[in-house]
């Protein structure tokens, strides 16, 4: 199962030399959330970021089949206008989000 882009399965199969497996076959979802829910419902195997499925892993609804991670192709950036840099609310939010990101990274290892 995969999202519309197919690229994560293709990259994973190439990285782990899974020759003979076509990564562009199977159920297609408009986003990874659909693939995750289909995997929970026992409709197949999906690639997912640990940070997005932490609770499902913790409660046993999902399990990691292979300890074979893939570095994501995309990243998220916190951006804002320069004039917001010293805004107390922006500073508080930046600290809060960084704390949560660091906790999420630590728990996914």
N, C-alpha and C. Protein backbone atom coordinates (compact mmCIF):
# COMPACT_ATOMS: atom_id res chain seq x y z
N UNK A 1 0.85 -1.17 0.00
CA UNK A 1 0.00 0.00 0.00
C UNK A 1 0.89 1.23 0.00
N UNK A 2 0.46 2.24 -0.68
CA UNK A 2 1.28 3.46 -0.75
C UNK A 2 0.41 4.65 -1.09
N UNK A 3 1.04 5.82 -0.97
CA UNK A 3 0.31 7.02 -1.36
C UNK A 3 0.51 7.24 -2.86
N UNK A 4 -0.04 8.31 -3.37
CA UNK A 4 -0.03 8.56 -4.81
C UNK A 4 1.37 8.69 -5.41
N UNK A 5 2.35 9.04 -4.60
CA UNK A 5 3.69 9.31 -5.14
C UNK A 5 4.50 8.04 -5.44
N UNK A 6 4.25 6.94 -4.79
CA UNK A 6 4.98 5.68 -5.00
C UNK A 6 6.45 5.75 -4.59
N UNK A 7 7.00 6.93 -4.40
CA UNK A 7 8.46 7.07 -4.27
C UNK A 7 9.05 6.44 -3.01
N UNK A 8 8.32 6.42 -1.91
CA UNK A 8 8.91 5.86 -0.69
C UNK A 8 9.11 4.35 -0.81
N UNK A 9 8.13 3.64 -1.33
CA UNK A 9 8.31 2.19 -1.52
C UNK A 9 9.42 1.92 -2.51
N UNK A 10 9.46 2.66 -3.61
CA UNK A 10 10.52 2.44 -4.60
C UNK A 10 11.89 2.69 -3.98
N UNK A 11 12.03 3.74 -3.19
CA UNK A 11 13.31 4.04 -2.52
C UNK A 11 13.66 2.96 -1.50
N UNK A 12 12.68 2.48 -0.73
CA UNK A 12 12.93 1.44 0.27
C UNK A 12 13.37 0.15 -0.41
N UNK A 13 12.66 -0.25 -1.45
CA UNK A 13 13.01 -1.48 -2.17
C UNK A 13 14.40 -1.40 -2.78
N UNK A 14 14.75 -0.24 -3.30
CA UNK A 14 16.09 -0.06 -3.87
C UNK A 14 17.15 -0.09 -2.78
N UNK A 15 16.92 0.62 -1.68
CA UNK A 15 17.91 0.69 -0.59
C UNK A 15 18.21 -0.70 -0.03
N UNK A 16 17.18 -1.53 0.11
CA UNK A 16 17.36 -2.85 0.72
C UNK A 16 17.43 -3.97 -0.32
N UNK A 17 17.66 -3.57 -1.57
CA UNK A 17 17.90 -4.50 -2.68
C UNK A 17 16.84 -5.60 -2.76
N UNK A 18 15.61 -5.20 -2.70
CA UNK A 18 14.50 -6.15 -2.80
C UNK A 18 14.13 -6.32 -4.27
N UNK A 19 15.01 -6.97 -5.00
CA UNK A 19 14.81 -7.17 -6.43
C UNK A 19 13.59 -8.04 -6.70
N UNK A 20 12.91 -7.76 -7.78
CA UNK A 20 11.77 -8.56 -8.18
C UNK A 20 10.45 -8.13 -7.58
N UNK A 21 10.47 -7.15 -6.70
CA UNK A 21 9.23 -6.66 -6.10
C UNK A 21 8.91 -5.31 -6.74
N UNK A 22 7.69 -5.18 -7.21
CA UNK A 22 7.28 -3.93 -7.87
C UNK A 22 6.64 -3.01 -6.84
N UNK A 23 7.29 -1.90 -6.58
CA UNK A 23 6.82 -0.97 -5.56
C UNK A 23 5.70 -0.05 -6.00
N UNK A 24 5.30 -0.17 -7.26
CA UNK A 24 4.23 0.70 -7.74
C UNK A 24 2.91 -0.05 -7.90
N UNK A 25 2.81 -1.22 -7.31
CA UNK A 25 1.59 -2.02 -7.34
C UNK A 25 0.89 -1.91 -5.98
N UNK A 26 -0.37 -2.32 -5.94
CA UNK A 26 -1.09 -2.34 -4.68
C UNK A 26 -2.03 -1.17 -4.52
N UNK A 27 -2.67 -1.13 -3.38
CA UNK A 27 -3.65 -0.09 -3.09
C UNK A 27 -2.97 1.28 -3.04
N UNK A 28 -3.66 2.27 -3.58
CA UNK A 28 -3.13 3.64 -3.62
C UNK A 28 -4.04 4.54 -2.78
N UNK A 29 -3.42 5.32 -1.91
CA UNK A 29 -4.15 6.25 -1.05
C UNK A 29 -3.69 7.67 -1.35
N UNK A 30 -4.55 8.64 -1.13
CA UNK A 30 -4.18 10.02 -1.41
C UNK A 30 -3.15 10.56 -0.44
N UNK A 31 -3.03 9.92 0.73
CA UNK A 31 -2.00 10.32 1.69
C UNK A 31 -1.61 9.12 2.54
N UNK A 32 -0.57 9.27 3.33
CA UNK A 32 -0.08 8.15 4.14
C UNK A 32 -1.08 7.74 5.22
N UNK A 33 -1.94 8.66 5.65
CA UNK A 33 -2.93 8.33 6.67
C UNK A 33 -3.85 7.20 6.21
N UNK A 34 -4.25 7.22 4.95
CA UNK A 34 -5.10 6.15 4.42
C UNK A 34 -4.39 4.81 4.43
N UNK A 35 -3.11 4.81 4.05
CA UNK A 35 -2.32 3.57 4.06
C UNK A 35 -2.15 3.05 5.49
N UNK A 36 -1.93 3.95 6.43
CA UNK A 36 -1.77 3.56 7.84
C UNK A 36 -3.05 2.90 8.35
N UNK A 37 -4.19 3.52 8.08
CA UNK A 37 -5.47 2.95 8.55
C UNK A 37 -5.77 1.62 7.87
N UNK A 38 -5.39 1.47 6.60
CA UNK A 38 -5.59 0.20 5.92
C UNK A 38 -4.70 -0.88 6.53
N UNK A 39 -3.48 -0.53 6.91
CA UNK A 39 -2.59 -1.49 7.56
C UNK A 39 -3.16 -1.91 8.92
N UNK A 40 -3.70 -0.96 9.67
CA UNK A 40 -4.33 -1.28 10.96
C UNK A 40 -5.49 -2.26 10.75
N UNK A 41 -6.21 -2.10 9.64
CA UNK A 41 -7.35 -2.97 9.33
C UNK A 41 -6.92 -4.27 8.64
N UNK A 42 -5.61 -4.57 8.65
CA UNK A 42 -5.07 -5.82 8.10
C UNK A 42 -5.24 -5.96 6.60
N UNK A 43 -5.16 -4.84 5.87
CA UNK A 43 -5.28 -4.88 4.42
C UNK A 43 -3.94 -4.88 3.71
N UNK A 44 -2.84 -4.91 4.44
CA UNK A 44 -1.53 -4.93 3.80
C UNK A 44 -0.47 -4.28 4.66
N UNK A 45 0.66 -4.02 4.01
CA UNK A 45 1.84 -3.45 4.67
C UNK A 45 2.02 -2.03 4.17
N UNK A 46 2.37 -1.12 5.07
CA UNK A 46 2.58 0.28 4.70
C UNK A 46 3.89 0.78 5.27
N UNK A 47 4.47 1.75 4.62
CA UNK A 47 5.61 2.48 5.17
C UNK A 47 5.05 3.68 5.93
N UNK A 48 5.58 3.93 7.13
CA UNK A 48 5.08 5.05 7.92
C UNK A 48 6.19 5.62 8.78
N UNK A 49 6.09 6.89 9.08
CA UNK A 49 7.02 7.52 10.01
C UNK A 49 6.64 7.13 11.43
N UNK A 50 7.65 6.73 12.22
CA UNK A 50 7.37 6.32 13.60
C UNK A 50 6.63 7.40 14.37
N UNK A 51 7.00 8.64 14.12
CA UNK A 51 6.36 9.73 14.87
C UNK A 51 4.86 9.81 14.59
N UNK A 52 4.41 9.33 13.44
CA UNK A 52 2.99 9.39 13.11
C UNK A 52 2.21 8.17 13.60
N UNK A 53 2.92 7.10 13.93
CA UNK A 53 2.23 5.87 14.36
C UNK A 53 2.69 5.40 15.73
N UNK A 54 3.28 6.30 16.53
CA UNK A 54 3.80 5.93 17.84
C UNK A 54 2.73 5.27 18.71
N UNK A 55 1.55 5.86 18.80
CA UNK A 55 0.51 5.28 19.68
C UNK A 55 0.03 3.93 19.15
N UNK A 56 -0.05 3.77 17.84
CA UNK A 56 -0.46 2.49 17.25
C UNK A 56 0.59 1.41 17.50
N UNK A 57 1.86 1.78 17.50
CA UNK A 57 2.93 0.83 17.82
C UNK A 57 2.88 0.48 19.31
N UNK A 58 2.69 1.51 20.14
CA UNK A 58 2.67 1.29 21.59
C UNK A 58 1.52 0.39 22.03
N UNK A 59 0.35 0.55 21.41
CA UNK A 59 -0.79 -0.26 21.84
C UNK A 59 -0.97 -1.55 21.04
N UNK A 60 -0.05 -1.83 20.12
CA UNK A 60 -0.06 -3.11 19.42
C UNK A 60 -0.92 -3.18 18.18
N UNK A 61 -1.53 -2.06 17.79
CA UNK A 61 -2.33 -2.10 16.55
C UNK A 61 -1.45 -2.23 15.32
N UNK A 62 -0.21 -1.75 15.42
CA UNK A 62 0.78 -1.91 14.35
C UNK A 62 2.06 -2.48 14.93
N UNK A 63 2.84 -3.12 14.10
CA UNK A 63 4.15 -3.63 14.51
C UNK A 63 5.16 -3.33 13.41
N UNK A 64 6.40 -3.17 13.79
CA UNK A 64 7.47 -2.93 12.82
C UNK A 64 7.94 -4.28 12.31
N UNK A 65 7.79 -4.52 11.01
CA UNK A 65 8.17 -5.81 10.43
C UNK A 65 9.67 -5.94 10.27
N UNK A 66 10.34 -4.87 9.86
CA UNK A 66 11.77 -4.88 9.64
C UNK A 66 12.38 -3.63 10.26
N UNK A 67 13.50 -3.78 10.92
CA UNK A 67 14.22 -2.60 11.42
C UNK A 67 15.07 -2.08 10.27
N UNK A 68 14.39 -1.51 9.29
CA UNK A 68 15.04 -1.06 8.07
C UNK A 68 14.50 0.33 7.72
N UNK A 69 15.01 1.35 8.40
CA UNK A 69 14.47 2.70 8.20
C UNK A 69 14.85 3.30 6.85
N UNK A 70 14.11 4.28 6.46
CA UNK A 70 14.35 5.03 5.24
C UNK A 70 14.37 6.50 5.60
N UNK A 71 15.39 7.21 5.19
CA UNK A 71 15.45 8.65 5.44
C UNK A 71 14.39 9.34 4.59
N UNK A 72 13.50 10.11 5.21
CA UNK A 72 12.43 10.74 4.43
C UNK A 72 12.97 11.71 3.39
N UNK A 73 12.26 11.77 2.28
CA UNK A 73 12.63 12.67 1.20
C UNK A 73 12.25 14.11 1.52
N UNK A 74 11.24 14.27 2.36
CA UNK A 74 10.72 15.59 2.67
C UNK A 74 11.02 15.97 4.12
N UNK A 75 11.02 17.27 4.39
CA UNK A 75 11.27 17.76 5.74
C UNK A 75 10.27 18.88 6.05
N UNK A 76 10.16 19.19 7.32
CA UNK A 76 9.31 20.28 7.76
C UNK A 76 10.18 21.39 8.33
N UNK A 77 9.80 22.63 8.08
CA UNK A 77 10.55 23.77 8.56
C UNK A 77 9.60 24.73 9.28
N UNK A 78 10.06 25.27 10.38
CA UNK A 78 9.31 26.31 11.08
C UNK A 78 9.76 27.64 10.50
N UNK A 79 8.86 28.33 9.83
CA UNK A 79 9.20 29.60 9.19
C UNK A 79 8.23 30.68 9.65
N UNK A 80 8.74 31.89 9.68
CA UNK A 80 7.92 33.02 10.09
C UNK A 80 8.63 34.29 9.66
N UNK A 81 7.92 35.42 9.60
CA UNK A 81 8.53 36.68 9.17
C UNK A 81 9.57 37.18 10.18
N UNK A 82 10.56 37.90 9.72
CA UNK A 82 11.62 38.43 10.59
C UNK A 82 11.06 39.27 11.73
N UNK A 83 10.01 40.03 11.47
CA UNK A 83 9.46 40.88 12.52
C UNK A 83 8.81 40.08 13.65
N UNK A 84 8.61 38.80 13.45
CA UNK A 84 8.03 37.94 14.49
C UNK A 84 9.10 37.33 15.38
N UNK A 85 10.34 37.46 15.00
CA UNK A 85 11.46 36.80 15.69
C UNK A 85 11.47 37.07 17.19
N UNK A 86 11.20 38.30 17.60
CA UNK A 86 11.26 38.65 19.02
C UNK A 86 9.89 38.69 19.70
N UNK A 87 8.87 38.28 19.01
CA UNK A 87 7.52 38.26 19.58
C UNK A 87 7.45 37.19 20.67
N UNK A 88 7.02 37.56 21.89
CA UNK A 88 6.98 36.59 22.99
C UNK A 88 6.16 35.33 22.68
N UNK A 89 5.04 35.50 21.99
CA UNK A 89 4.22 34.33 21.63
C UNK A 89 4.96 33.42 20.65
N UNK A 90 5.65 34.02 19.69
CA UNK A 90 6.41 33.23 18.72
C UNK A 90 7.57 32.50 19.40
N UNK A 91 8.22 33.17 20.34
CA UNK A 91 9.33 32.54 21.08
C UNK A 91 8.80 31.36 21.89
N UNK A 92 7.69 31.55 22.56
CA UNK A 92 7.09 30.48 23.35
C UNK A 92 6.69 29.29 22.47
N UNK A 93 6.08 29.58 21.32
CA UNK A 93 5.69 28.52 20.40
C UNK A 93 6.91 27.78 19.87
N UNK A 94 7.94 28.52 19.49
CA UNK A 94 9.17 27.90 18.96
C UNK A 94 9.78 26.96 19.99
N UNK A 95 9.85 27.39 21.25
CA UNK A 95 10.39 26.54 22.31
C UNK A 95 9.53 25.30 22.51
N UNK A 96 8.20 25.50 22.49
CA UNK A 96 7.29 24.38 22.69
C UNK A 96 7.42 23.35 21.57
N UNK A 97 7.44 23.82 20.33
CA UNK A 97 7.49 22.87 19.22
C UNK A 97 8.84 22.15 19.18
N UNK A 98 9.92 22.84 19.47
CA UNK A 98 11.24 22.20 19.48
C UNK A 98 11.33 21.15 20.58
N UNK A 99 10.77 21.45 21.75
CA UNK A 99 10.75 20.47 22.85
C UNK A 99 10.00 19.21 22.43
N UNK A 100 8.85 19.39 21.79
CA UNK A 100 8.05 18.25 21.36
C UNK A 100 8.70 17.47 20.24
N UNK A 101 9.35 18.14 19.33
CA UNK A 101 10.08 17.45 18.26
C UNK A 101 11.21 16.62 18.85
N UNK A 102 11.95 17.20 19.77
CA UNK A 102 13.07 16.47 20.38
C UNK A 102 12.57 15.26 21.17
N UNK A 103 11.46 15.41 21.88
CA UNK A 103 10.89 14.27 22.62
C UNK A 103 10.43 13.18 21.65
N UNK A 104 9.83 13.58 20.56
CA UNK A 104 9.37 12.62 19.56
C UNK A 104 10.54 11.87 18.94
N UNK A 105 11.60 12.60 18.63
CA UNK A 105 12.79 11.96 18.06
C UNK A 105 13.41 10.98 19.05
N UNK A 106 13.48 11.38 20.31
CA UNK A 106 14.07 10.51 21.33
C UNK A 106 13.24 9.24 21.53
N UNK A 107 11.92 9.36 21.48
CA UNK A 107 11.07 8.19 21.70
C UNK A 107 11.01 7.28 20.49
N UNK A 108 11.39 7.78 19.31
CA UNK A 108 11.33 6.94 18.11
C UNK A 108 12.60 6.13 17.90
N UNK A 109 13.56 6.29 18.77
CA UNK A 109 14.82 5.54 18.62
C UNK A 109 14.81 4.29 19.41
